[in-house]
């Protein structure tokens, strides 16, 4: 719960400054970790 709350607080600050854009490339590597914090996927 603490981790989730701190993440939400940091996201609120981030959202105030974030902008959308696109990046293109010959290859895209997905190296974003696992899903141990996604309870829906764990159940699925």
ModelCIF file with pLDDT and N, C-alpha, C, O atoms, coordinates in Angstrom:
data_MODEL
#
_entry.id   MODEL 
#
_entity.id                         1 
_entity.type                       polymer 
_entity.pdbx_number_of_molecules   1 
#
_entity_poly.entity_id                      1 
_entity_poly.type                           'polypeptide(L)' 
_entity_poly.nstd_linkage                   no 
_entity_poly.nstd_monomer                   no 
_entity_poly.pdbx_seq_one_letter_code       
;(UNK)(UNK)(UNK)(UNK)(UNK)(UNK)(UNK)(UNK)(UNK)(UNK)(UNK)(UNK)(UNK)(UNK)(UNK)(UNK)
(UNK)(UNK)(UNK)(UNK)(UNK)(UNK)(UNK)(UNK)(UNK)(UNK)(UNK)(UNK)(UNK)(UNK)(UNK)(UNK)
(UNK)(UNK)(UNK)(UNK)(UNK)(UNK)(UNK)(UNK)(UNK)(UNK)(UNK)(UNK)
;
_entity_poly.pdbx_seq_one_letter_code_can   XXXXXXXXXXXXXXXXXXXXXXXXXXXXXXXXXXXXXXXXXXXX 
_entity_poly.pdbx_strand_id                 A 
#
loop_
_entity_poly_seq.entity_id 
_entity_poly_seq.num 
_entity_poly_seq.mon_id 
_entity_poly_seq.hetero 
1 1  UNK n 
1 2  UNK n 
1 3  UNK n 
1 4  UNK n 
1 5  UNK n 
1 6  UNK n 
1 7  UNK n 
1 8  UNK n 
1 9  UNK n 
1 10 UNK n 
1 11 UNK n 
1 12 UNK n 
1 13 UNK n 
1 14 UNK n 
1 15 UNK n 
1 16 UNK n 
1 17 UNK n 
1 18 UNK n 
1 19 UNK n 
1 20 UNK n 
1 21 UNK n 
1 22 UNK n 
1 23 UNK n 
1 24 UNK n 
1 25 UNK n 
1 26 UNK n 
1 27 UNK n 
1 28 UNK n 
1 29 UNK n 
1 30 UNK n 
1 31 UNK n 
1 32 UNK n 
1 33 UNK n 
1 34 UNK n 
1 35 UNK n 
1 36 UNK n 
1 37 UNK n 
1 38 UNK n 
1 39 UNK n 
1 40 UNK n 
1 41 UNK n 
1 42 UNK n 
1 43 UNK n 
1 44 UNK n 
#
_struct_asym.id          A 
_struct_asym.entity_id   1 
#
loop_
_ma_qa_metric.id 
_ma_qa_metric.mode 
_ma_qa_metric.name 
_ma_qa_metric.software_group_id 
_ma_qa_metric.type 
1 global pLDDT . pLDDT 
2 local  pLDDT . pLDDT 
#
_ma_qa_metric_global.metric_id      1 
_ma_qa_metric_global.metric_value   87.23 
_ma_qa_metric_global.model_id       1 
_ma_qa_metric_global.ordinal_id     1 
#
loop_
_ma_qa_metric_local.label_asym_id 
_ma_qa_metric_local.label_comp_id 
_ma_qa_metric_local.label_seq_id 
_ma_qa_metric_local.metric_id 
_ma_qa_metric_local.metric_value 
_ma_qa_metric_local.model_id 
_ma_qa_metric_local.ordinal_id 
A UNK 1  2 73.00 1 1  
A UNK 2  2 70.00 1 2  
A UNK 3  2 70.00 1 3  
A UNK 4  2 73.00 1 4  
A UNK 5  2 78.00 1 5  
A UNK 6  2 75.00 1 6  
A UNK 7  2 76.00 1 7  
A UNK 8  2 76.00 1 8  
A UNK 9  2 78.00 1 9  
A UNK 10 2 77.00 1 10 
A UNK 11 2 78.00 1 11 
A UNK 12 2 79.00 1 12 
A UNK 13 2 77.00 1 13 
A UNK 14 2 72.00 1 14 
A UNK 15 2 77.00 1 15 
A UNK 16 2 78.00 1 16 
A UNK 17 2 78.00 1 17 
A UNK 18 2 80.00 1 18 
A UNK 19 2 90.00 1 19 
A UNK 20 2 90.00 1 20 
A UNK 21 2 92.00 1 21 
A UNK 22 2 95.00 1 22 
A UNK 23 2 96.00 1 23 
A UNK 24 2 97.00 1 24 
A UNK 25 2 97.00 1 25 
A UNK 26 2 95.00 1 26 
A UNK 27 2 97.00 1 27 
A UNK 28 2 98.00 1 28 
A UNK 29 2 98.00 1 29 
A UNK 30 2 98.00 1 30 
A UNK 31 2 98.00 1 31 
A UNK 32 2 97.00 1 32 
A UNK 33 2 96.00 1 33 
A UNK 34 2 97.00 1 34 
A UNK 35 2 96.00 1 35 
A UNK 36 2 94.00 1 36 
A UNK 37 2 91.00 1 37 
A UNK 38 2 94.00 1 38 
A UNK 39 2 92.00 1 39 
A UNK 40 2 95.00 1 40 
A UNK 41 2 96.00 1 41 
A UNK 42 2 95.00 1 42 
A UNK 43 2 94.00 1 43 
A UNK 44 2 95.00 1 44 
#
loop_
_atom_site.group_PDB 
_atom_site.id 
_atom_site.type_symbol 
_atom_site.label_atom_id 
_atom_site.label_alt_id 
_atom_site.label_comp_id 
_atom_site.label_asym_id 
_atom_site.label_entity_id 
_atom_site.label_seq_id 
_atom_site.pdbx_PDB_ins_code 
_atom_site.Cartn_x 
_atom_site.Cartn_y 
_atom_site.Cartn_z 
_atom_site.occupancy 
_atom_site.B_iso_or_equiv 
_atom_site.pdbx_formal_charge 
_atom_site.auth_seq_id 
_atom_site.auth_comp_id 
_atom_site.auth_asym_id 
_atom_site.auth_atom_id 
_atom_site.pdbx_PDB_model_num 
ATOM 1   N N  . UNK A 1 1  ? 0.810  -1.225  0.000   1.00 73.00 ? 1  UNK A N  1 
ATOM 2   C CA . UNK A 1 1  ? 0.000  0.000   0.000   1.00 73.00 ? 1  UNK A CA 1 
ATOM 3   C C  . UNK A 1 1  ? 0.843  1.275   0.000   1.00 73.00 ? 1  UNK A C  1 
ATOM 4   O O  . UNK A 1 1  ? 0.482  2.262   -0.640  1.00 73.00 ? 1  UNK A O  1 
ATOM 5   N N  . UNK A 1 2  ? 1.979  1.251   0.726   1.00 70.00 ? 2  UNK A N  1 
ATOM 6   C CA . UNK A 1 2  ? 2.860  2.409   0.754   1.00 70.00 ? 2  UNK A CA 1 
ATOM 7   C C  . UNK A 1 2  ? 3.478  2.642   -0.624  1.00 70.00 ? 2  UNK A C  1 
ATOM 8   O O  . UNK A 1 2  ? 3.538  3.773   -1.105  1.00 70.00 ? 2  UNK A O  1 
ATOM 9   N N  . UNK A 1 3  ? 3.933  1.560   -1.252  1.00 70.00 ? 3  UNK A N  1 
ATOM 10  C CA . UNK A 1 3  ? 4.518  1.673   -2.582  1.00 70.00 ? 3  UNK A CA 1 
ATOM 11  C C  . UNK A 1 3  ? 3.530  2.244   -3.584  1.00 70.00 ? 3  UNK A C  1 
ATOM 12  O O  . UNK A 1 3  ? 3.875  3.090   -4.409  1.00 70.00 ? 3  UNK A O  1 
ATOM 13  N N  . UNK A 1 4  ? 2.298  1.769   -3.498  1.00 73.00 ? 4  UNK A N  1 
ATOM 14  C CA . UNK A 1 4  ? 1.252  2.239   -4.417  1.00 73.00 ? 4  UNK A CA 1 
ATOM 15  C C  . UNK A 1 4  ? 0.946  3.710   -4.185  1.00 73.00 ? 4  UNK A C  1 
ATOM 16  O O  . UNK A 1 4  ? 0.789  4.476   -5.136  1.00 73.00 ? 4  UNK A O  1 
ATOM 17  N N  . UNK A 1 5  ? 0.861  4.103   -2.917  1.00 78.00 ? 5  UNK A N  1 
ATOM 18  C CA . UNK A 1 5  ? 0.552  5.494   -2.578  1.00 78.00 ? 5  UNK A CA 1 
ATOM 19  C C  . UNK A 1 5  ? 1.660  6.426   -3.053  1.00 78.00 ? 5  UNK A C  1 
ATOM 20  O O  . UNK A 1 5  ? 1.382  7.476   -3.631  1.00 78.00 ? 5  UNK A O  1 
ATOM 21  N N  . UNK A 1 6  ? 2.917  6.048   -2.812  1.00 75.00 ? 6  UNK A N  1 
ATOM 22  C CA . UNK A 1 6  ? 4.041  6.886   -3.231  1.00 75.00 ? 6  UNK A CA 1 
ATOM 23  C C  . UNK A 1 6  ? 4.104  6.996   -4.756  1.00 75.00 ? 6  UNK A C  1 
ATOM 24  O O  . UNK A 1 6  ? 4.428  8.052   -5.300  1.00 75.00 ? 6  UNK A O  1 
ATOM 25  N N  . UNK A 1 7  ? 3.792  5.897   -5.432  1.00 76.00 ? 7  UNK A N  1 
ATOM 26  C CA . UNK A 1 7  ? 3.775  5.916   -6.895  1.00 76.00 ? 7  UNK A CA 1 
ATOM 27  C C  . UNK A 1 7  ? 2.700  6.863   -7.408  1.00 76.00 ? 7  UNK A C  1 
ATOM 28  O O  . UNK A 1 7  ? 2.924  7.614   -8.357  1.00 76.00 ? 7  UNK A O  1 
ATOM 29  N N  . UNK A 1 8  ? 1.532  6.822   -6.776  1.00 76.00 ? 8  UNK A N  1 
ATOM 30  C CA . UNK A 1 8  ? 0.443  7.719   -7.188  1.00 76.00 ? 8  UNK A CA 1 
ATOM 31  C C  . UNK A 1 8  ? 0.828  9.186   -6.990  1.00 76.00 ? 8  UNK A C  1 
ATOM 32  O O  . UNK A 1 8  ? 0.532  10.027  -7.839  1.00 76.00 ? 8  UNK A O  1 
ATOM 33  N N  . UNK A 1 9  ? 1.485  9.491   -5.875  1.00 78.00 ? 9  UNK A N  1 
ATOM 34  C CA . UNK A 1 9  ? 1.901  10.870  -5.601  1.00 78.00 ? 9  UNK A CA 1 
ATOM 35  C C  . UNK A 1 9  ? 2.931  11.345  -6.633  1.00 78.00 ? 9  UNK A C  1 
ATOM 36  O O  . UNK A 1 9  ? 2.853  12.467  -7.132  1.00 78.00 ? 9  UNK A O  1 
ATOM 37  N N  . UNK A 1 10 ? 3.897  10.470  -6.944  1.00 77.00 ? 10 UNK A N  1 
ATOM 38  C CA . UNK A 1 10 ? 4.911  10.857  -7.924  1.00 77.00 ? 10 UNK A CA 1 
ATOM 39  C C  . UNK A 1 10 ? 4.288  11.016  -9.309  1.00 77.00 ? 10 UNK A C  1 
ATOM 40  O O  . UNK A 1 10 ? 4.685  11.895  -10.075 1.00 77.00 ? 10 UNK A O  1 
ATOM 41  N N  . UNK A 1 11 ? 3.308  10.162  -9.630  1.00 78.00 ? 11 UNK A N  1 
ATOM 42  C CA . UNK A 1 11 ? 2.647  10.249  -10.937 1.00 78.00 ? 11 UNK A CA 1 
ATOM 43  C C  . UNK A 1 11 ? 1.850  11.539  -11.089 1.00 78.00 ? 11 UNK A C  1 
ATOM 44  O O  . UNK A 1 11 ? 1.782  12.107  -12.179 1.00 78.00 ? 11 UNK A O  1 
ATOM 45  N N  . UNK A 1 12 ? 1.255  11.995  -10.011 1.00 79.00 ? 12 UNK A N  1 
ATOM 46  C CA . UNK A 1 12 ? 0.496  13.243  -10.059 1.00 79.00 ? 12 UNK A CA 1 
ATOM 47  C C  . UNK A 1 12 ? 1.399  14.420  -10.413 1.00 79.00 ? 12 UNK A C  1 
ATOM 48  O O  . UNK A 1 12 ? 1.023  15.289  -11.200 1.00 79.00 ? 12 UNK A O  1 
ATOM 49  N N  . UNK A 1 13 ? 2.589  14.438  -9.827  1.00 77.00 ? 13 UNK A N  1 
ATOM 50  C CA . UNK A 1 13 ? 3.547  15.503  -10.128 1.00 77.00 ? 13 UNK A CA 1 
ATOM 51  C C  . UNK A 1 13 ? 4.017  15.383  -11.567 1.00 77.00 ? 13 UNK A C  1 
ATOM 52  O O  . UNK A 1 13 ? 4.094  16.378  -12.288 1.00 77.00 ? 13 UNK A O  1 
ATOM 53  N N  . UNK A 1 14 ? 4.328  14.172  -11.979 1.00 72.00 ? 14 UNK A N  1 
ATOM 54  C CA . UNK A 1 14 ? 4.819  13.905  -13.340 1.00 72.00 ? 14 UNK A CA 1 
ATOM 55  C C  . UNK A 1 14 ? 3.802  14.330  -14.389 1.00 72.00 ? 14 UNK A C  1 
ATOM 56  O O  . UNK A 1 14 ? 4.158  14.934  -15.400 1.00 72.00 ? 14 UNK A O  1 
ATOM 57  N N  . UNK A 1 15 ? 2.543  14.013  -14.145 1.00 77.00 ? 15 UNK A N  1 
ATOM 58  C CA . UNK A 1 15 ? 1.484  14.277  -15.118 1.00 77.00 ? 15 UNK A CA 1 
ATOM 59  C C  . UNK A 1 15 ? 1.350  15.766  -15.432 1.00 77.00 ? 15 UNK A C  1 
ATOM 60  O O  . UNK A 1 15 ? 0.947  16.142  -16.532 1.00 77.00 ? 15 UNK A O  1 
ATOM 61  N N  . UNK A 1 16 ? 1.683  16.589  -14.479 1.00 78.00 ? 16 UNK A N  1 
ATOM 62  C CA . UNK A 1 16 ? 1.573  18.046  -14.676 1.00 78.00 ? 16 UNK A CA 1 
ATOM 63  C C  . UNK A 1 16 ? 2.578  18.563  -15.707 1.00 78.00 ? 16 UNK A C  1 
ATOM 64  O O  . UNK A 1 16 ? 2.398  19.647  -16.260 1.00 78.00 ? 16 UNK A O  1 
ATOM 65  N N  . UNK A 1 17 ? 3.631  17.790  -15.963 1.00 78.00 ? 17 UNK A N  1 
ATOM 66  C CA . UNK A 1 17 ? 4.696  18.255  -16.844 1.00 78.00 ? 17 UNK A CA 1 
ATOM 67  C C  . UNK A 1 17 ? 4.874  17.390  -18.096 1.00 78.00 ? 17 UNK A C  1 
ATOM 68  O O  . UNK A 1 17 ? 5.578  17.796  -19.021 1.00 78.00 ? 17 UNK A O  1 
ATOM 69  N N  . UNK A 1 18 ? 4.255  16.212  -18.143 1.00 80.00 ? 18 UNK A N  1 
ATOM 70  C CA . UNK A 1 18 ? 4.498  15.253  -19.225 1.00 80.00 ? 18 UNK A CA 1 
ATOM 71  C C  . UNK A 1 18 ? 3.864  15.682  -20.547 1.00 80.00 ? 18 UNK A C  1 
ATOM 72  O O  . UNK A 1 18 ? 2.814  16.324  -20.572 1.00 80.00 ? 18 UNK A O  1 
ATOM 73  N N  . UNK A 1 19 ? 4.528  15.311  -21.648 1.00 90.00 ? 19 UNK A N  1 
ATOM 74  C CA . UNK A 1 19 ? 4.018  15.586  -22.990 1.00 90.00 ? 19 UNK A CA 1 
ATOM 75  C C  . UNK A 1 19 ? 4.107  14.321  -23.843 1.00 90.00 ? 19 UNK A C  1 
ATOM 76  O O  . UNK A 1 19 ? 4.954  13.456  -23.617 1.00 90.00 ? 19 UNK A O  1 
ATOM 77  N N  . UNK A 1 20 ? 3.212  14.238  -24.825 1.00 90.00 ? 20 UNK A N  1 
ATOM 78  C CA . UNK A 1 20 ? 3.173  13.089  -25.728 1.00 90.00 ? 20 UNK A CA 1 
ATOM 79  C C  . UNK A 1 20 ? 4.094  13.308  -26.922 1.00 90.00 ? 20 UNK A C  1 
ATOM 80  O O  . UNK A 1 20 ? 4.194  14.416  -27.450 1.00 90.00 ? 20 UNK A O  1 
ATOM 81  N N  . UNK A 1 21 ? 4.774  12.225  -27.345 1.00 92.00 ? 21 UNK A N  1 
ATOM 82  C CA . UNK A 1 21 ? 5.552  12.296  -28.577 1.00 92.00 ? 21 UNK A CA 1 
ATOM 83  C C  . UNK A 1 21 ? 5.799  10.876  -29.082 1.00 92.00 ? 21 UNK A C  1 
ATOM 84  O O  . UNK A 1 21 ? 5.475  9.903   -28.401 1.00 92.00 ? 21 UNK A O  1 
ATOM 85  N N  . UNK A 1 22 ? 6.369  10.767  -30.269 1.00 95.00 ? 22 UNK A N  1 
ATOM 86  C CA . UNK A 1 22 ? 6.642  9.464   -30.873 1.00 95.00 ? 22 UNK A CA 1 
ATOM 87  C C  . UNK A 1 22 ? 8.123  9.342   -31.204 1.00 95.00 ? 22 UNK A C  1 
ATOM 88  O O  . UNK A 1 22 ? 8.798  10.327  -31.502 1.00 95.00 ? 22 UNK A O  1 
ATOM 89  N N  . UNK A 1 23 ? 8.612  8.097   -31.142 1.00 96.00 ? 23 UNK A N  1 
ATOM 90  C CA . UNK A 1 23 ? 9.997  7.800   -31.510 1.00 96.00 ? 23 UNK A CA 1 
ATOM 91  C C  . UNK A 1 23 ? 9.980  6.594   -32.437 1.00 96.00 ? 23 UNK A C  1 
ATOM 92  O O  . UNK A 1 23 ? 9.300  5.608   -32.152 1.00 96.00 ? 23 UNK A O  1 
ATOM 93  N N  . UNK A 1 24 ? 10.708 6.656   -33.529 1.00 97.00 ? 24 UNK A N  1 
ATOM 94  C CA . UNK A 1 24 ? 10.782 5.527   -34.459 1.00 97.00 ? 24 UNK A CA 1 
ATOM 95  C C  . UNK A 1 24 ? 12.188 4.928   -34.455 1.00 97.00 ? 24 UNK A C  1 
ATOM 96  O O  . UNK A 1 24 ? 13.159 5.585   -34.079 1.00 97.00 ? 24 UNK A O  1 
ATOM 97  N N  . UNK A 1 25 ? 12.273 3.663   -34.883 1.00 97.00 ? 25 UNK A N  1 
ATOM 98  C CA . UNK A 1 25 ? 13.564 2.973   -34.892 1.00 97.00 ? 25 UNK A CA 1 
ATOM 99  C C  . UNK A 1 25 ? 13.470 1.687   -35.686 1.00 97.00 ? 25 UNK A C  1 
ATOM 100 O O  . UNK A 1 25 ? 12.378 1.241   -36.039 1.00 97.00 ? 25 UNK A O  1 
ATOM 101 N N  . UNK A 1 26 ? 14.627 1.090   -35.966 1.00 95.00 ? 26 UNK A N  1 
ATOM 102 C CA . UNK A 1 26 ? 14.665 -0.205  -36.653 1.00 95.00 ? 26 UNK A CA 1 
ATOM 103 C C  . UNK A 1 26 ? 14.218 -1.340  -35.732 1.00 95.00 ? 26 UNK A C  1 
ATOM 104 O O  . UNK A 1 26 ? 13.682 -2.351  -36.185 1.00 95.00 ? 26 UNK A O  1 
ATOM 105 N N  . UNK A 1 27 ? 14.450 -1.151  -34.425 1.00 97.00 ? 27 UNK A N  1 
ATOM 106 C CA . UNK A 1 27 ? 14.079 -2.193  -33.465 1.00 97.00 ? 27 UNK A CA 1 
ATOM 107 C C  . UNK A 1 27 ? 13.623 -1.598  -32.154 1.00 97.00 ? 27 UNK A C  1 
ATOM 108 O O  . UNK A 1 27 ? 14.141 -0.572  -31.714 1.00 97.00 ? 27 UNK A O  1 
ATOM 109 N N  . UNK A 1 28 ? 12.645 -2.249  -31.525 1.00 98.00 ? 28 UNK A N  1 
ATOM 110 C CA . UNK A 1 28 ? 12.157 -1.855  -30.208 1.00 98.00 ? 28 UNK A CA 1 
ATOM 111 C C  . UNK A 1 28 ? 12.361 -3.036  -29.259 1.00 98.00 ? 28 UNK A C  1 
ATOM 112 O O  . UNK A 1 28 ? 11.868 -4.134  -29.516 1.00 98.00 ? 28 UNK A O  1 
ATOM 113 N N  . UNK A 1 29 ? 13.089 -2.808  -28.161 1.00 98.00 ? 29 UNK A N  1 
ATOM 114 C CA . UNK A 1 29 ? 13.332 -3.860  -27.178 1.00 98.00 ? 29 UNK A CA 1 
ATOM 115 C C  . UNK A 1 29 ? 12.477 -3.623  -25.942 1.00 98.00 ? 29 UNK A C  1 
ATOM 116 O O  . UNK A 1 29 ? 12.557 -2.565  -25.318 1.00 98.00 ? 29 UNK A O  1 
ATOM 117 N N  . UNK A 1 30 ? 11.659 -4.608  -25.593 1.00 98.00 ? 30 UNK A N  1 
ATOM 118 C CA . UNK A 1 30 ? 10.848 -4.555  -24.378 1.00 98.00 ? 30 UNK A CA 1 
ATOM 119 C C  . UNK A 1 30 ? 11.631 -5.215  -23.247 1.00 98.00 ? 30 UNK A C  1 
ATOM 120 O O  . UNK A 1 30 ? 11.803 -6.434  -23.226 1.00 98.00 ? 30 UNK A O  1 
ATOM 121 N N  . UNK A 1 31 ? 12.098 -4.404  -22.319 1.00 98.00 ? 31 UNK A N  1 
ATOM 122 C CA . UNK A 1 31 ? 12.873 -4.915  -21.174 1.00 98.00 ? 31 UNK A CA 1 
ATOM 123 C C  . UNK A 1 31 ? 12.343 -4.239  -19.914 1.00 98.00 ? 31 UNK A C  1 
ATOM 124 O O  . UNK A 1 31 ? 13.092 -3.638  -19.145 1.00 98.00 ? 31 UNK A O  1 
ATOM 125 N N  . UNK A 1 32 ? 11.038 -4.354  -19.728 1.00 97.00 ? 32 UNK A N  1 
ATOM 126 C CA . UNK A 1 32 ? 10.346 -3.606  -18.672 1.00 97.00 ? 32 UNK A CA 1 
ATOM 127 C C  . UNK A 1 32 ? 10.014 -4.440  -17.442 1.00 97.00 ? 32 UNK A C  1 
ATOM 128 O O  . UNK A 1 32 ? 9.147  -4.066  -16.652 1.00 97.00 ? 32 UNK A O  1 
ATOM 129 N N  . UNK A 1 33 ? 10.700 -5.571  -17.275 1.00 96.00 ? 33 UNK A N  1 
ATOM 130 C CA . UNK A 1 33 ? 10.504 -6.375  -16.069 1.00 96.00 ? 33 UNK A CA 1 
ATOM 131 C C  . UNK A 1 33 ? 9.330  -7.326  -16.155 1.00 96.00 ? 33 UNK A C  1 
ATOM 132 O O  . UNK A 1 33 ? 8.716  -7.496  -17.208 1.00 96.00 ? 33 UNK A O  1 
ATOM 133 N N  . UNK A 1 34 ? 9.028  -7.951  -15.003 1.00 97.00 ? 34 UNK A N  1 
ATOM 134 C CA . UNK A 1 34 ? 7.955  -8.938  -14.927 1.00 97.00 ? 34 UNK A CA 1 
ATOM 135 C C  . UNK A 1 34 ? 6.627  -8.328  -14.515 1.00 97.00 ? 34 UNK A C  1 
ATOM 136 O O  . UNK A 1 34 ? 6.357  -7.161  -14.798 1.00 97.00 ? 34 UNK A O  1 
ATOM 137 N N  . UNK A 1 35 ? 5.781  -9.139  -13.832 1.00 96.00 ? 35 UNK A N  1 
ATOM 138 C CA . UNK A 1 35 ? 4.447  -8.641  -13.492 1.00 96.00 ? 35 UNK A CA 1 
ATOM 139 C C  . UNK A 1 35 ? 4.024  -9.022  -12.079 1.00 96.00 ? 35 UNK A C  1 
ATOM 140 O O  . UNK A 1 35 ? 2.840  -9.231  -11.816 1.00 96.00 ? 35 UNK A O  1 
ATOM 141 N N  . UNK A 1 36 ? 4.996  -9.112  -11.170 1.00 94.00 ? 36 UNK A N  1 
ATOM 142 C CA . UNK A 1 36 ? 4.675  -9.542  -9.822  1.00 94.00 ? 36 UNK A CA 1 
ATOM 143 C C  . UNK A 1 36 ? 3.792  -8.527  -9.089  1.00 94.00 ? 36 UNK A C  1 
ATOM 144 O O  . UNK A 1 36 ? 3.156  -8.882  -8.097  1.00 94.00 ? 36 UNK A O  1 
ATOM 145 N N  . UNK A 1 37 ? 3.736  -7.283  -9.550  1.00 91.00 ? 37 UNK A N  1 
ATOM 146 C CA . UNK A 1 37 ? 2.887  -6.271  -8.912  1.00 91.00 ? 37 UNK A CA 1 
ATOM 147 C C  . UNK A 1 37 ? 1.549  -6.102  -9.630  1.00 91.00 ? 37 UNK A C  1 
ATOM 148 O O  . UNK A 1 37 ? 0.790  -5.188  -9.308  1.00 91.00 ? 37 UNK A O  1 
ATOM 149 N N  . UNK A 1 38 ? 1.255  -6.957  -10.586 1.00 94.00 ? 38 UNK A N  1 
ATOM 150 C CA . UNK A 1 38 ? -0.026 -6.894  -11.294 1.00 94.00 ? 38 UNK A CA 1 
ATOM 151 C C  . UNK A 1 38 ? -0.903 -8.057  -10.831 1.00 94.00 ? 38 UNK A C  1 
ATOM 152 O O  . UNK A 1 38 ? -0.783 -9.172  -11.340 1.00 94.00 ? 38 UNK A O  1 
ATOM 153 N N  . UNK A 1 39 ? -1.773 -7.796  -9.878  1.00 92.00 ? 39 UNK A N  1 
ATOM 154 C CA . UNK A 1 39 ? -2.584 -8.861  -9.286  1.00 92.00 ? 39 UNK A CA 1 
ATOM 155 C C  . UNK A 1 39 ? -3.551 -9.479  -10.294 1.00 92.00 ? 39 UNK A C  1 
ATOM 156 O O  . UNK A 1 39 ? -3.828 -10.677 -10.237 1.00 92.00 ? 39 UNK A O  1 
ATOM 157 N N  . UNK A 1 40 ? -4.061 -8.670  -11.207 1.00 95.00 ? 40 UNK A N  1 
ATOM 158 C CA . UNK A 1 40 ? -4.985 -9.196  -12.220 1.00 95.00 ? 40 UNK A CA 1 
ATOM 159 C C  . UNK A 1 40 ? -4.292 -10.199 -13.129 1.00 95.00 ? 40 UNK A C  1 
ATOM 160 O O  . UNK A 1 40 ? -4.857 -11.249 -13.436 1.00 95.00 ? 40 UNK A O  1 
ATOM 161 N N  . UNK A 1 41 ? -3.074 -9.888  -13.564 1.00 96.00 ? 41 UNK A N  1 
ATOM 162 C CA . UNK A 1 41 ? -2.339 -10.824 -14.418 1.00 96.00 ? 41 UNK A CA 1 
ATOM 163 C C  . UNK A 1 41 ? -1.966 -12.080 -13.655 1.00 96.00 ? 41 UNK A C  1 
ATOM 164 O O  . UNK A 1 41 ? -2.014 -13.177 -14.213 1.00 96.00 ? 41 UNK A O  1 
ATOM 165 N N  . UNK A 1 42 ? -1.596 -11.942 -12.389 1.00 95.00 ? 42 UNK A N  1 
ATOM 166 C CA . UNK A 1 42 ? -1.254 -13.116 -11.579 1.00 95.00 ? 42 UNK A CA 1 
ATOM 167 C C  . UNK A 1 42 ? -2.448 -14.059 -11.480 1.00 95.00 ? 42 UNK A C  1 
ATOM 168 O O  . UNK A 1 42 ? -2.301 -15.275 -11.603 1.00 95.00 ? 42 UNK A O  1 
ATOM 169 N N  . UNK A 1 43 ? -3.617 -13.496 -11.259 1.00 94.00 ? 43 UNK A N  1 
ATOM 170 C CA . UNK A 1 43 ? -4.833 -14.318 -11.182 1.00 94.00 ? 43 UNK A CA 1 
ATOM 171 C C  . UNK A 1 43 ? -5.169 -14.913 -12.543 1.00 94.00 ? 43 UNK A C  1 
ATOM 172 O O  . UNK A 1 43 ? -5.529 -16.086 -12.643 1.00 94.00 ? 43 UNK A O  1 
ATOM 173 N N  . UNK A 1 44 ? -5.051 -14.104 -13.585 1.00 95.00 ? 44 UNK A N  1 
ATOM 174 C CA . UNK A 1 44 ? -5.386 -14.552 -14.934 1.00 95.00 ? 44 UNK A CA 1 
ATOM 175 C C  . UNK A 1 44 ? -4.595 -15.790 -15.344 1.00 95.00 ? 44 UNK A C  1 
ATOM 176 O O  . UNK A 1 44 ? -4.764 -16.291 -16.456 1.00 95.00 ? 44 UNK A O  1 
#
